[in-house]
Amino acid sequence: MDIISTNEAKRQTKRQLLADLLMRDEDATLDAMTVATAWLPHTARAALTALKKRGYAISSDKIDGVRAYRTVAPK
């Protein structure tokens, strides 16, 4: 039996969790992002900016008065 050390095991960071949420087939709302990460709304929006700086192409639309976000992974 192989034992994987904690250094070798990949932990999913909240930033990666947010990126995964945005890459799903359905759009992600700010409410969904705050629930998934336990961040405040302004922190989730700042994380969106950080993802943009890392090469993620984030777009958004307002649907029924609610902003919805989506992205594709950077190349």
PDB file of N, CA and C in Angstrom:
ATOM      1  N   MET A   1       0.840  -1.177   0.000  1.00  0.00           N
ATOM      2  CA  MET A   1       0.000   0.000   0.000  1.00  0.00           C
ATOM      3  C   MET A   1       0.884   1.239   0.000  1.00  0.00           C
ATOM      4  N   ASP A   2       0.647   2.118  -0.948  1.00  0.00           N
ATOM      5  CA  ASP A   2       1.417   3.358  -1.029  1.00  0.00           C
ATOM      6  C   ASP A   2       0.782   4.425  -0.149  1.00  0.00           C
ATOM      7  N   ILE A   3       1.610   5.111   0.570  1.00  0.00           N
ATOM      8  CA  ILE A   3       1.128   6.207   1.402  1.00  0.00           C
ATOM      9  C   ILE A   3       1.564   7.504   0.742  1.00  0.00           C
ATOM     10  N   ILE A   4       0.608   8.371   0.494  1.00  0.00           N
ATOM     11  CA  ILE A   4       0.894   9.662  -0.129  1.00  0.00           C
ATOM     12  C   ILE A   4       1.049  10.693   0.974  1.00  0.00           C
ATOM     13  N   SER A   5       2.170  11.376   0.978  1.00  0.00           N
ATOM     14  CA  SER A   5       2.382  12.400   2.002  1.00  0.00           C
ATOM     15  C   SER A   5       1.478  13.593   1.720  1.00  0.00           C
ATOM     16  N   THR A   6       1.256  14.395   2.725  1.00  0.00           N
ATOM     17  CA  THR A   6       0.386  15.556   2.555  1.00  0.00           C
ATOM     18  C   THR A   6       0.989  16.557   1.592  1.00  0.00           C
ATOM     19  N   ASN A   7       2.315  16.589   1.460  1.00  0.00           N
ATOM     20  CA  ASN A   7       2.958  17.487   0.510  1.00  0.00           C
ATOM     21  C   ASN A   7       2.695  17.054  -0.929  1.00  0.00           C
ATOM     22  N   GLU A   8       2.550  15.764  -1.161  1.00  0.00           N
ATOM     23  CA  GLU A   8       2.337  15.258  -2.504  1.00  0.00           C
ATOM     24  C   GLU A   8       0.872  15.324  -2.905  1.00  0.00           C
ATOM     25  N   ALA A   9      -0.016  15.236  -1.950  1.00  0.00           N
ATOM     26  CA  ALA A   9      -1.444  15.280  -2.251  1.00  0.00           C
ATOM     27  C   ALA A   9      -1.830  16.701  -2.629  1.00  0.00           C
ATOM     28  N   LYS A  10      -2.620  16.832  -3.671  1.00  0.00           N
ATOM     29  CA  LYS A  10      -3.043  18.153  -4.108  1.00  0.00           C
ATOM     30  C   LYS A  10      -4.244  18.609  -3.307  1.00  0.00           C
ATOM     31  N   ARG A  11      -4.113  19.756  -2.687  1.00  0.00           N
ATOM     32  CA  ARG A  11      -5.233  20.381  -1.979  1.00  0.00           C
ATOM     33  C   ARG A  11      -5.907  21.347  -2.931  1.00  0.00           C
ATOM     34  N   GLN A  12      -7.207  21.370  -2.914  1.00  0.00           N
ATOM     35  CA  GLN A  12      -7.916  22.314  -3.754  1.00  0.00           C
ATOM     36  C   GLN A  12      -8.062  23.613  -2.971  1.00  0.00           C
ATOM     37  N   THR A  13      -7.462  24.660  -3.505  1.00  0.00           N
ATOM     38  CA  THR A  13      -7.549  25.961  -2.866  1.00  0.00           C
ATOM     39  C   THR A  13      -8.901  26.596  -3.188  1.00  0.00           C
ATOM     40  N   LYS A  14      -9.240  27.617  -2.434  1.00  0.00           N
ATOM     41  CA  LYS A  14     -10.495  28.319  -2.709  1.00  0.00           C
ATOM     42  C   LYS A  14     -10.450  28.985  -4.076  1.00  0.00           C
ATOM     43  N   ARG A  15      -9.268  29.454  -4.479  1.00  0.00           N
ATOM     44  CA  ARG A  15      -9.144  30.056  -5.807  1.00  0.00           C
ATOM     45  C   ARG A  15      -9.433  29.021  -6.890  1.00  0.00           C
ATOM     46  N   GLN A  16      -8.908  27.803  -6.714  1.00  0.00           N
ATOM     47  CA  GLN A  16      -9.176  26.738  -7.687  1.00  0.00           C
ATOM     48  C   GLN A  16     -10.638  26.320  -7.646  1.00  0.00           C
ATOM     49  N   LEU A  17     -11.216  26.296  -6.458  1.00  0.00           N
ATOM     50  CA  LEU A  17     -12.631  25.988  -6.312  1.00  0.00           C
ATOM     51  C   LEU A  17     -13.481  27.006  -7.074  1.00  0.00           C
ATOM     52  N   LEU A  18     -13.105  28.274  -6.972  1.00  0.00           N
ATOM     53  CA  LEU A  18     -13.819  29.323  -7.694  1.00  0.00           C
ATOM     54  C   LEU A  18     -13.670  29.141  -9.203  1.00  0.00           C
ATOM     55  N   ALA A  19     -12.453  28.837  -9.657  1.00  0.00           N
ATOM     56  CA  ALA A  19     -12.218  28.610 -11.083  1.00  0.00           C
ATOM     57  C   ALA A  19     -13.044  27.433 -11.585  1.00  0.00           C
ATOM     58  N   ASP A  20     -13.085  26.346 -10.814  1.00  0.00           N
ATOM     59  CA  ASP A  20     -13.888  25.178 -11.202  1.00  0.00           C
ATOM     60  C   ASP A  20     -15.369  25.525 -11.270  1.00  0.00           C
ATOM     61  N   LEU A  21     -15.825  26.338 -10.346  1.00  0.00           N
ATOM     62  CA  LEU A  21     -17.229  26.766 -10.322  1.00  0.00           C
ATOM     63  C   LEU A  21     -17.558  27.567 -11.576  1.00  0.00           C
ATOM     64  N   LEU A  22     -16.632  28.402 -12.009  1.00  0.00           N
ATOM     65  CA  LEU A  22     -16.851  29.245 -13.188  1.00  0.00           C
ATOM     66  C   LEU A  22     -16.764  28.461 -14.493  1.00  0.00           C
ATOM     67  N   MET A  23     -16.055  27.328 -14.499  1.00  0.00           N
ATOM     68  CA  MET A  23     -15.885  26.547 -15.729  1.00  0.00           C
ATOM     69  C   MET A  23     -16.979  25.516 -15.952  1.00  0.00           C
ATOM     70  N   ARG A  24     -17.925  25.410 -15.016  1.00  0.00           N
ATOM     71  CA  ARG A  24     -19.033  24.470 -15.211  1.00  0.00           C
ATOM     72  C   ARG A  24     -19.888  24.900 -16.403  1.00  0.00           C
ATOM     73  N   ASP A  25     -20.766  24.017 -16.859  1.00  0.00           N
ATOM     74  CA  ASP A  25     -21.649  24.345 -17.968  1.00  0.00           C
ATOM     75  C   ASP A  25     -22.624  25.457 -17.610  1.00  0.00           C
ATOM     76  N   GLU A  26     -23.055  25.487 -16.353  1.00  0.00           N
ATOM     77  CA  GLU A  26     -23.975  26.543 -15.938  1.00  0.00           C
ATOM     78  C   GLU A  26     -23.180  27.706 -15.355  1.00  0.00           C
ATOM     79  N   ASP A  27     -23.723  28.905 -15.464  1.00  0.00           N
ATOM     80  CA  ASP A  27     -23.055  30.090 -14.962  1.00  0.00           C
ATOM     81  C   ASP A  27     -23.040  30.101 -13.435  1.00  0.00           C
ATOM     82  N   ALA A  28     -22.133  30.880 -12.867  1.00  0.00           N
ATOM     83  CA  ALA A  28     -22.022  30.997 -11.413  1.00  0.00           C
ATOM     84  C   ALA A  28     -22.396  32.418 -10.995  1.00  0.00           C
ATOM     85  N   THR A  29     -23.268  32.519 -10.021  1.00  0.00           N
ATOM     86  CA  THR A  29     -23.642  33.826  -9.488  1.00  0.00           C
ATOM     87  C   THR A  29     -22.706  34.176  -8.334  1.00  0.00           C
ATOM     88  N   LEU A  30     -22.719  35.435  -7.943  1.00  0.00           N
ATOM     89  CA  LEU A  30     -21.910  35.859  -6.814  1.00  0.00           C
ATOM     90  C   LEU A  30     -22.342  35.129  -5.541  1.00  0.00           C
ATOM     91  N   ASP A  31     -23.646  34.906  -5.388  1.00  0.00           N
ATOM     92  CA  ASP A  31     -24.140  34.150  -4.228  1.00  0.00           C
ATOM     93  C   ASP A  31     -23.562  32.739  -4.201  1.00  0.00           C
ATOM     94  N   ALA A  32     -23.523  32.078  -5.358  1.00  0.00           N
ATOM     95  CA  ALA A  32     -22.966  30.716  -5.425  1.00  0.00           C
ATOM     96  C   ALA A  32     -21.484  30.718  -5.073  1.00  0.00           C
ATOM     97  N   MET A  33     -20.767  31.756  -5.518  1.00  0.00           N
ATOM     98  CA  MET A  33     -19.336  31.841  -5.224  1.00  0.00           C
ATOM     99  C   MET A  33     -19.084  32.057  -3.733  1.00  0.00           C
ATOM    100  N   THR A  34     -19.896  32.909  -3.104  1.00  0.00           N
ATOM    101  CA  THR A  34     -19.698  33.174  -1.679  1.00  0.00           C
ATOM    102  C   THR A  34     -20.058  31.958  -0.826  1.00  0.00           C
ATOM    103  N   VAL A  35     -21.065  31.205  -1.240  1.00  0.00           N
ATOM    104  CA  VAL A  35     -21.432  29.993  -0.503  1.00  0.00           C
ATOM    105  C   VAL A  35     -20.342  28.931  -0.650  1.00  0.00           C
ATOM    106  N   ALA A  36     -19.822  28.764  -1.861  1.00  0.00           N
ATOM    107  CA  ALA A  36     -18.817  27.726  -2.116  1.00  0.00           C
ATOM    108  C   ALA A  36     -17.491  28.007  -1.417  1.00  0.00           C
ATOM    109  N   THR A  37     -17.125  29.278  -1.303  1.00  0.00           N
ATOM    110  CA  THR A  37     -15.820  29.624  -0.746  1.00  0.00           C
ATOM    111  C   THR A  37     -15.874  30.153   0.681  1.00  0.00           C
ATOM    112  N   ALA A  38     -17.046  30.515   1.160  1.00  0.00           N
ATOM    113  CA  ALA A  38     -17.223  31.147   2.475  1.00  0.00           C
ATOM    114  C   ALA A  38     -16.549  32.519   2.521  1.00  0.00           C
ATOM    115  N   TRP A  39     -16.434  33.163   1.358  1.00  0.00           N
ATOM    116  CA  TRP A  39     -15.884  34.508   1.275  1.00  0.00           C
ATOM    117  C   TRP A  39     -17.006  35.527   1.282  1.00  0.00           C
ATOM    118  N   LEU A  40     -16.680  36.756   1.628  1.00  0.00           N
ATOM    119  CA  LEU A  40     -17.611  37.866   1.478  1.00  0.00           C
ATOM    120  C   LEU A  40     -17.654  38.249   0.000  1.00  0.00           C
ATOM    121  N   PRO A  41     -18.734  38.909  -0.433  1.00  0.00           N
ATOM    122  CA  PRO A  41     -18.856  39.248  -1.859  1.00  0.00           C
ATOM    123  C   PRO A  41     -17.662  40.034  -2.417  1.00  0.00           C
ATOM    124  N   HIS A  42     -17.141  41.005  -1.665  1.00  0.00           N
ATOM    125  CA  HIS A  42     -16.027  41.793  -2.193  1.00  0.00           C
ATOM    126  C   HIS A  42     -14.765  40.939  -2.349  1.00  0.00           C
ATOM    127  N   THR A  43     -14.596  39.920  -1.538  1.00  0.00           N
ATOM    128  CA  THR A  43     -13.457  39.019  -1.665  1.00  0.00           C
ATOM    129  C   THR A  43     -13.613  38.134  -2.894  1.00  0.00           C
ATOM    130  N   ALA A  44     -14.824  37.674  -3.144  1.00  0.00           N
ATOM    131  CA  ALA A  44     -15.077  36.852  -4.337  1.00  0.00           C
ATOM    132  C   ALA A  44     -14.841  37.662  -5.603  1.00  0.00           C
ATOM    133  N   ARG A  45     -15.273  38.929  -5.608  1.00  0.00           N
ATOM    134  CA  ARG A  45     -15.025  39.775  -6.786  1.00  0.00           C
ATOM    135  C   ARG A  45     -13.535  40.035  -6.971  1.00  0.00           C
ATOM    136  N   ALA A  46     -12.808  40.226  -5.885  1.00  0.00           N
ATOM    137  CA  ALA A  46     -11.355  40.417  -5.978  1.00  0.00           C
ATOM    138  C   ALA A  46     -10.686  39.153  -6.524  1.00  0.00           C
ATOM    139  N   ALA A  47     -11.176  37.988  -6.137  1.00  0.00           N
ATOM    140  CA  ALA A  47     -10.635  36.728  -6.646  1.00  0.00           C
ATOM    141  C   ALA A  47     -10.907  36.590  -8.142  1.00  0.00           C
ATOM    142  N   LEU A  48     -12.029  37.110  -8.610  1.00  0.00           N
ATOM    143  CA  LEU A  48     -12.310  37.110 -10.055  1.00  0.00           C
ATOM    144  C   LEU A  48     -11.248  37.937 -10.783  1.00  0.00           C
ATOM    145  N   THR A  49     -10.891  39.073 -10.212  1.00  0.00           N
ATOM    146  CA  THR A  49      -9.856  39.915 -10.801  1.00  0.00           C
ATOM    147  C   THR A  49      -8.518  39.177 -10.820  1.00  0.00           C
ATOM    148  N   ALA A  50      -8.200  38.473  -9.743  1.00  0.00           N
ATOM    149  CA  ALA A  50      -6.951  37.702  -9.686  1.00  0.00           C
ATOM    150  C   ALA A  50      -6.940  36.602 -10.746  1.00  0.00           C
ATOM    151  N   LEU A  51      -8.081  35.956 -10.967  1.00  0.00           N
ATOM    152  CA  LEU A  51      -8.154  34.928 -12.009  1.00  0.00           C
ATOM    153  C   LEU A  51      -7.945  35.546 -13.389  1.00  0.00           C
ATOM    154  N   LYS A  52      -8.494  36.739 -13.614  1.00  0.00           N
ATOM    155  CA  LYS A  52      -8.282  37.428 -14.895  1.00  0.00           C
ATOM    156  C   LYS A  52      -6.798  37.682 -15.120  1.00  0.00           C
ATOM    157  N   LYS A  53      -6.104  38.104 -14.059  1.00  0.00           N
ATOM    158  CA  LYS A  53      -4.668  38.373 -14.171  1.00  0.00           C
ATOM    159  C   LYS A  53      -3.879  37.101 -14.439  1.00  0.00           C
ATOM    160  N   ARG A  54      -4.423  35.952 -14.057  1.00  0.00           N
ATOM    161  CA  ARG A  54      -3.766  34.670 -14.303  1.00  0.00           C
ATOM    162  C   ARG A  54      -4.116  34.098 -15.676  1.00  0.00           C
ATOM    163  N   GLY A  55      -4.894  34.824 -16.467  1.00  0.00           N
ATOM    164  CA  GLY A  55      -5.166  34.401 -17.835  1.00  0.00           C
ATOM    165  C   GLY A  55      -6.540  33.828 -18.095  1.00  0.00           C
ATOM    166  N   TYR A  56      -7.402  33.754 -17.085  1.00  0.00           N
ATOM    167  CA  TYR A  56      -8.763  33.271 -17.293  1.00  0.00           C
ATOM    168  C   TYR A  56      -9.578  34.352 -17.999  1.00  0.00           C
ATOM    169  N   ALA A  57     -10.322  33.969 -19.012  1.00  0.00           N
ATOM    170  CA  ALA A  57     -11.193  34.899 -19.730  1.00  0.00           C
ATOM    171  C   ALA A  57     -12.571  34.841 -19.077  1.00  0.00           C
ATOM    172  N   ILE A  58     -12.848  35.783 -18.198  1.00  0.00           N
ATOM    173  CA  ILE A  58     -14.106  35.783 -17.450  1.00  0.00           C
ATOM    174  C   ILE A  58     -15.088  36.722 -18.121  1.00  0.00           C
ATOM    175  N   SER A  59     -16.282  36.217 -18.353  1.00  0.00           N
ATOM    176  CA  SER A  59     -17.336  37.052 -18.914  1.00  0.00           C
ATOM    177  C   SER A  59     -18.556  36.957 -18.005  1.00  0.00           C
ATOM    178  N   SER A  60     -19.433  37.931 -18.141  1.00  0.00           N
ATOM    179  CA  SER A  60     -20.632  37.927 -17.308  1.00  0.00           C
ATOM    180  C   SER A  60     -21.807  38.497 -18.070  1.00  0.00           C
ATOM    181  N   ASP A  61     -22.976  38.092 -17.660  1.00  0.00           N
ATOM    182  CA  ASP A  61     -24.239  38.591 -18.199  1.00  0.00           C
ATOM    183  C   ASP A  61     -25.173  38.824 -17.031  1.00  0.00           C
ATOM    184  N   LYS A  62     -26.090  39.757 -17.216  1.00  0.00           N
ATOM    185  CA  LYS A  62     -27.100  39.986 -16.199  1.00  0.00           C
ATOM    186  C   LYS A  62     -28.376  39.290 -16.667  1.00  0.00           C
ATOM    187  N   ILE A  63     -28.803  38.292 -15.897  1.00  0.00           N
ATOM    188  CA  ILE A  63     -29.982  37.499 -16.241  1.00  0.00           C
ATOM    189  C   ILE A  63     -31.022  37.701 -15.148  1.00  0.00           C
ATOM    190  N   ASP A  64     -32.153  38.260 -15.518  1.00  0.00           N
ATOM    191  CA  ASP A  64     -33.224  38.540 -14.554  1.00  0.00           C
ATOM    192  C   ASP A  64     -32.725  39.339 -13.355  1.00  0.00           C
ATOM    193  N   GLY A  65     -31.851  40.306 -13.624  1.00  0.00           N
ATOM    194  CA  GLY A  65     -31.351  41.176 -12.573  1.00  0.00           C
ATOM    195  C   GLY A  65     -30.223  40.593 -11.740  1.00  0.00           C
ATOM    196  N   VAL A  66     -29.751  39.386 -12.073  1.00  0.00           N
ATOM    197  CA  VAL A  66     -28.671  38.747 -11.314  1.00  0.00           C
ATOM    198  C   VAL A  66     -27.476  38.546 -12.236  1.00  0.00           C
ATOM    199  N   ARG A  67     -26.304  39.021 -11.813  1.00  0.00           N
ATOM    200  CA  ARG A  67     -25.090  38.873 -12.602  1.00  0.00           C
ATOM    201  C   ARG A  67     -24.599  37.428 -12.520  1.00  0.00           C
ATOM    202  N   ALA A  68     -24.308  36.845 -13.678  1.00  0.00           N
ATOM    203  CA  ALA A  68     -23.824  35.462 -13.767  1.00  0.00           C
ATOM    204  C   ALA A  68     -22.493  35.457 -14.498  1.00  0.00           C
ATOM    205  N   TYR A  69     -21.534  34.699 -13.976  1.00  0.00           N
ATOM    206  CA  TYR A  69     -20.169  34.671 -14.505  1.00  0.00           C
ATOM    207  C   TYR A  69     -19.831  33.290 -15.076  1.00  0.00           C
ATOM    208  N   ARG A  70     -18.889  33.285 -16.021  1.00  0.00           N
ATOM    209  CA  ARG A  70     -18.364  32.048 -16.580  1.00  0.00           C
ATOM    210  C   ARG A  70     -16.954  32.302 -17.085  1.00  0.00           C
ATOM    211  N   THR A  71     -16.193  31.245 -17.308  1.00  0.00           N
ATOM    212  CA  THR A  71     -14.828  31.394 -17.802  1.00  0.00           C
ATOM    213  C   THR A  71     -14.389  30.155 -18.553  1.00  0.00           C
ATOM    214  N   VAL A  72     -13.251  30.281 -19.193  1.00  0.00           N
ATOM    215  CA  VAL A  72     -12.553  29.149 -19.784  1.00  0.00           C
ATOM    216  C   VAL A  72     -11.144  29.141 -19.192  1.00  0.00           C
ATOM    217  N   ALA A  73     -10.547  27.985 -19.090  1.00  0.00           N
ATOM    218  CA  ALA A  73      -9.207  27.873 -18.504  1.00  0.00           C
ATOM    219  C   ALA A  73      -8.193  28.557 -19.408  1.00  0.00           C
ATOM    220  N   PRO A  74      -7.152  29.148 -18.822  1.00  0.00           N
ATOM    221  CA  PRO A  74      -6.114  29.789 -19.645  1.00  0.00           C
ATOM    222  C   PRO A  74      -5.309  28.753 -20.411  1.00  0.00           C
ATOM    223  N   LYS A  75      -4.718  29.187 -21.500  1.00  0.00           N
ATOM    224  CA  LYS A  75      -3.906  28.273 -22.322  1.00  0.00           C
ATOM    225  C   LYS A  75      -2.500  28.203 -21.821  1.00  0.00           C
TER     226      LYS A  75
END
